[in-house]
Amino acid sequence: MTEYKTAPTGSVPYTPDSWVIVKIQSEQYGTIYKVLAGWSGSYLYGDSWKLSSGIVTFVDTGSYYESLQDSGSAYMLYKNNERMSSIMAQTLSSLELQLQGMDATIEIVKVKEVIESLSK
């Protein structure tokens, strides 16, 4: 993975309405931590979700975490928004089923685990 210390110039961080950290484990790729993010929609557009490319940095800034991803994108994760929305739960369930056939697993983990893993 490429190490990013700051967000790329001109980039706008994703700021989800809800988010959790997931750990994906497989023999082929090892352990990867990602952000599963959700946004509340409107009557016309509905809710949406996004799975990040892979956490590179995870910094506690006080009221939120700043997380840079393997792709170079950044996430601003407000601490009080750490929760699952219904569309995220459906997505996680679907991902679990897809990964079963690939000898891989996905699970929600606590922020502390990500921070400890990145500090090794």
C-alpha atoms as a PDB file:
ATOM      1  CA  MET A   1       0.000   0.000   0.000  1.00  0.00           C
ATOM      2  CA  THR A   2       1.039   3.557  -0.641  1.00  0.00           C
ATOM      3  CA  GLU A   3       1.448   5.679   2.491  1.00  0.00           C
ATOM      4  CA  TYR A   4      -0.420   8.990   2.483  1.00  0.00           C
ATOM      5  CA  LYS A   5       0.232  11.449   5.282  1.00  0.00           C
ATOM      6  CA  THR A   6      -2.275  14.069   4.148  1.00  0.00           C
ATOM      7  CA  ALA A   7      -5.215  14.202   1.773  1.00  0.00           C
ATOM      8  CA  PRO A   8      -4.314  14.865  -1.867  1.00  0.00           C
ATOM      9  CA  THR A   9      -4.407  18.554  -2.820  1.00  0.00           C
ATOM     10  CA  GLY A  10      -7.835  19.672  -3.946  1.00  0.00           C
ATOM     11  CA  SER A  11      -9.578  16.521  -2.748  1.00  0.00           C
ATOM     12  CA  VAL A  12     -12.834  16.753  -0.832  1.00  0.00           C
ATOM     13  CA  PRO A  13     -13.240  14.160   1.903  1.00  0.00           C
ATOM     14  CA  TYR A  14     -16.241  11.887   2.026  1.00  0.00           C
ATOM     15  CA  THR A  15     -18.352  12.751   5.076  1.00  0.00           C
ATOM     16  CA  PRO A  16     -20.891   9.959   5.596  1.00  0.00           C
ATOM     17  CA  ASP A  17     -24.050  10.206   7.688  1.00  0.00           C
ATOM     18  CA  SER A  18     -23.238   6.790   9.155  1.00  0.00           C
ATOM     19  CA  TRP A  19     -20.173   4.558   9.067  1.00  0.00           C
ATOM     20  CA  VAL A  20     -18.492   1.463  10.488  1.00  0.00           C
ATOM     21  CA  ILE A  21     -15.094  -0.117  10.027  1.00  0.00           C
ATOM     22  CA  VAL A  22     -15.017  -3.589   8.492  1.00  0.00           C
ATOM     23  CA  LYS A  23     -12.204  -6.094   8.438  1.00  0.00           C
ATOM     24  CA  ILE A  24     -11.923  -8.340   5.406  1.00  0.00           C
ATOM     25  CA  GLN A  25      -9.697 -11.392   5.725  1.00  0.00           C
ATOM     26  CA  SER A  26      -8.655 -13.780   2.978  1.00  0.00           C
ATOM     27  CA  GLU A  27      -5.734 -16.089   2.311  1.00  0.00           C
ATOM     28  CA  GLN A  28      -5.006 -14.320  -0.959  1.00  0.00           C
ATOM     29  CA  TYR A  29      -4.986 -10.711   0.322  1.00  0.00           C
ATOM     30  CA  GLY A  30      -4.517 -11.029   4.092  1.00  0.00           C
ATOM     31  CA  THR A  31      -6.299  -8.523   6.336  1.00  0.00           C
ATOM     32  CA  ILE A  32      -7.721  -5.292   4.951  1.00  0.00           C
ATOM     33  CA  TYR A  33      -9.617  -2.655   6.941  1.00  0.00           C
ATOM     34  CA  LYS A  34     -12.174  -0.552   5.062  1.00  0.00           C
ATOM     35  CA  VAL A  35     -14.800   2.079   5.776  1.00  0.00           C
ATOM     36  CA  LEU A  36     -18.383   1.047   5.041  1.00  0.00           C
ATOM     37  CA  ALA A  37     -20.146   4.395   4.718  1.00  0.00           C
ATOM     38  CA  GLY A  38     -23.772   5.381   4.287  1.00  0.00           C
ATOM     39  CA  TRP A  39     -25.646   8.519   3.309  1.00  0.00           C
ATOM     40  CA  SER A  40     -29.302   9.304   3.942  1.00  0.00           C
ATOM     41  CA  GLY A  41     -31.180  10.111   0.787  1.00  0.00           C
ATOM     42  CA  SER A  42     -34.335  11.942  -0.047  1.00  0.00           C
ATOM     43  CA  TYR A  43     -37.711  10.926  -1.352  1.00  0.00           C
ATOM     44  CA  LEU A  44     -36.422  11.005  -4.930  1.00  0.00           C
ATOM     45  CA  TYR A  45     -32.890   9.680  -4.550  1.00  0.00           C
ATOM     46  CA  GLY A  46     -32.906   7.162  -1.688  1.00  0.00           C
ATOM     47  CA  ASP A  47     -30.092   6.095   0.608  1.00  0.00           C
ATOM     48  CA  SER A  48     -26.634   5.179  -0.681  1.00  0.00           C
ATOM     49  CA  TRP A  49     -23.493   3.410   0.520  1.00  0.00           C
ATOM     50  CA  LYS A  50     -19.805   3.135  -0.344  1.00  0.00           C
ATOM     51  CA  LEU A  51     -17.034   0.722   0.628  1.00  0.00           C
ATOM     52  CA  SER A  52     -13.607   2.380   0.757  1.00  0.00           C
ATOM     53  CA  SER A  53     -10.535   0.982  -0.990  1.00  0.00           C
ATOM     54  CA  GLY A  54      -8.593   0.265   2.203  1.00  0.00           C
ATOM     55  CA  ILE A  55      -7.520   2.271   5.242  1.00  0.00           C
ATOM     56  CA  VAL A  56      -3.965   3.630   5.134  1.00  0.00           C
ATOM     57  CA  THR A  57      -4.146   6.158   7.991  1.00  0.00           C
ATOM     58  CA  PHE A  58      -6.656   6.696  10.784  1.00  0.00           C
ATOM     59  CA  VAL A  59      -6.203   9.828  12.891  1.00  0.00           C
ATOM     60  CA  ASP A  60      -8.277  10.962  15.884  1.00  0.00           C
ATOM     61  CA  THR A  61      -8.763  14.729  15.514  1.00  0.00           C
ATOM     62  CA  GLY A  62     -11.149  15.161  18.456  1.00  0.00           C
ATOM     63  CA  SER A  63     -14.757  15.120  17.226  1.00  0.00           C
ATOM     64  CA  TYR A  64     -13.982  13.055  14.135  1.00  0.00           C
ATOM     65  CA  TYR A  65     -11.490  10.614  12.627  1.00  0.00           C
ATOM     66  CA  GLU A  66      -9.661  11.450   9.425  1.00  0.00           C
ATOM     67  CA  SER A  67      -8.894   8.391   7.341  1.00  0.00           C
ATOM     68  CA  LEU A  68      -6.914   8.260   4.131  1.00  0.00           C
ATOM     69  CA  GLN A  69      -7.505   5.336   1.796  1.00  0.00           C
ATOM     70  CA  ASP A  70      -5.319   3.277  -0.498  1.00  0.00           C
ATOM     71  CA  SER A  71      -6.880   5.038  -3.506  1.00  0.00           C
ATOM     72  CA  GLY A  72      -5.896   8.440  -2.120  1.00  0.00           C
ATOM     73  CA  SER A  73      -9.419   9.453  -1.112  1.00  0.00           C
ATOM     74  CA  ALA A  74     -10.113  10.770   2.376  1.00  0.00           C
ATOM     75  CA  TYR A  75     -12.953  10.215   4.830  1.00  0.00           C
ATOM     76  CA  MET A  76     -14.044  12.549   7.627  1.00  0.00           C
ATOM     77  CA  LEU A  77     -15.769  10.221  10.085  1.00  0.00           C
ATOM     78  CA  TYR A  78     -17.666  12.014  12.843  1.00  0.00           C
ATOM     79  CA  LYS A  79     -17.574   9.949  16.034  1.00  0.00           C
ATOM     80  CA  ASN A  80     -21.283  10.400  16.778  1.00  0.00           C
ATOM     81  CA  ASN A  81     -22.119   8.957  13.314  1.00  0.00           C
ATOM     82  CA  GLU A  82     -20.524   5.553  13.971  1.00  0.00           C
ATOM     83  CA  ARG A  83     -23.528   3.287  13.371  1.00  0.00           C
ATOM     84  CA  MET A  84     -25.162   1.059  10.775  1.00  0.00           C
ATOM     85  CA  SER A  85     -27.969   2.228   8.536  1.00  0.00           C
ATOM     86  CA  SER A  86     -30.390  -0.264   7.006  1.00  0.00           C
ATOM     87  CA  ILE A  87     -28.803  -0.032   3.545  1.00  0.00           C
ATOM     88  CA  MET A  88     -25.373  -0.638   5.083  1.00  0.00           C
ATOM     89  CA  ALA A  89     -26.687  -3.717   6.948  1.00  0.00           C
ATOM     90  CA  GLN A  90     -28.132  -5.076   3.695  1.00  0.00           C
ATOM     91  CA  THR A  91     -24.839  -4.413   1.921  1.00  0.00           C
ATOM     92  CA  LEU A  92     -22.813  -6.108   4.655  1.00  0.00           C
ATOM     93  CA  SER A  93     -25.079  -9.158   4.500  1.00  0.00           C
ATOM     94  CA  SER A  94     -24.653  -9.342   0.731  1.00  0.00           C
ATOM     95  CA  LEU A  95     -20.871  -9.000   1.013  1.00  0.00           C
ATOM     96  CA  GLU A  96     -20.777 -11.808   3.605  1.00  0.00           C
ATOM     97  CA  LEU A  97     -22.562 -14.130   1.180  1.00  0.00           C
ATOM     98  CA  GLN A  98     -20.296 -13.175  -1.729  1.00  0.00           C
ATOM     99  CA  LEU A  99     -17.119 -13.706   0.298  1.00  0.00           C
ATOM    100  CA  GLN A 100     -18.169 -17.165   1.528  1.00  0.00           C
ATOM    101  CA  GLY A 101     -17.445 -18.626  -1.874  1.00  0.00           C
ATOM    102  CA  MET A 102     -14.030 -16.980  -1.939  1.00  0.00           C
ATOM    103  CA  ASP A 103     -12.681 -18.289   1.380  1.00  0.00           C
ATOM    104  CA  ALA A 104     -12.871 -14.796   2.837  1.00  0.00           C
ATOM    105  CA  THR A 105     -14.710 -13.171   5.743  1.00  0.00           C
ATOM    106  CA  ILE A 106     -15.959  -9.702   6.601  1.00  0.00           C
ATOM    107  CA  GLU A 107     -16.841  -8.372  10.047  1.00  0.00           C
ATOM    108  CA  ILE A 108     -17.446  -5.066  11.809  1.00  0.00           C
ATOM    109  CA  VAL A 109     -14.596  -4.086  14.135  1.00  0.00           C
ATOM    110  CA  LYS A 110     -13.997  -1.394  16.724  1.00  0.00           C
ATOM    111  CA  VAL A 111     -11.955   1.685  15.857  1.00  0.00           C
ATOM    112  CA  LYS A 112      -9.403   0.700  18.506  1.00  0.00           C
ATOM    113  CA  GLU A 113      -8.489  -2.414  16.491  1.00  0.00           C
ATOM    114  CA  VAL A 114      -7.751  -0.356  13.370  1.00  0.00           C
ATOM    115  CA  ILE A 115      -5.615   2.149  15.264  1.00  0.00           C
ATOM    116  CA  GLU A 116      -3.645  -0.657  16.944  1.00  0.00           C
ATOM    117  CA  SER A 117      -3.181  -2.491  13.649  1.00  0.00           C
ATOM    118  CA  LEU A 118      -1.868   0.606  11.867  1.00  0.00           C
ATOM    119  CA  SER A 119       0.584   1.391  14.673  1.00  0.00           C
ATOM    120  CA  LYS A 120       2.410  -1.942  14.263  1.00  0.00           C
END
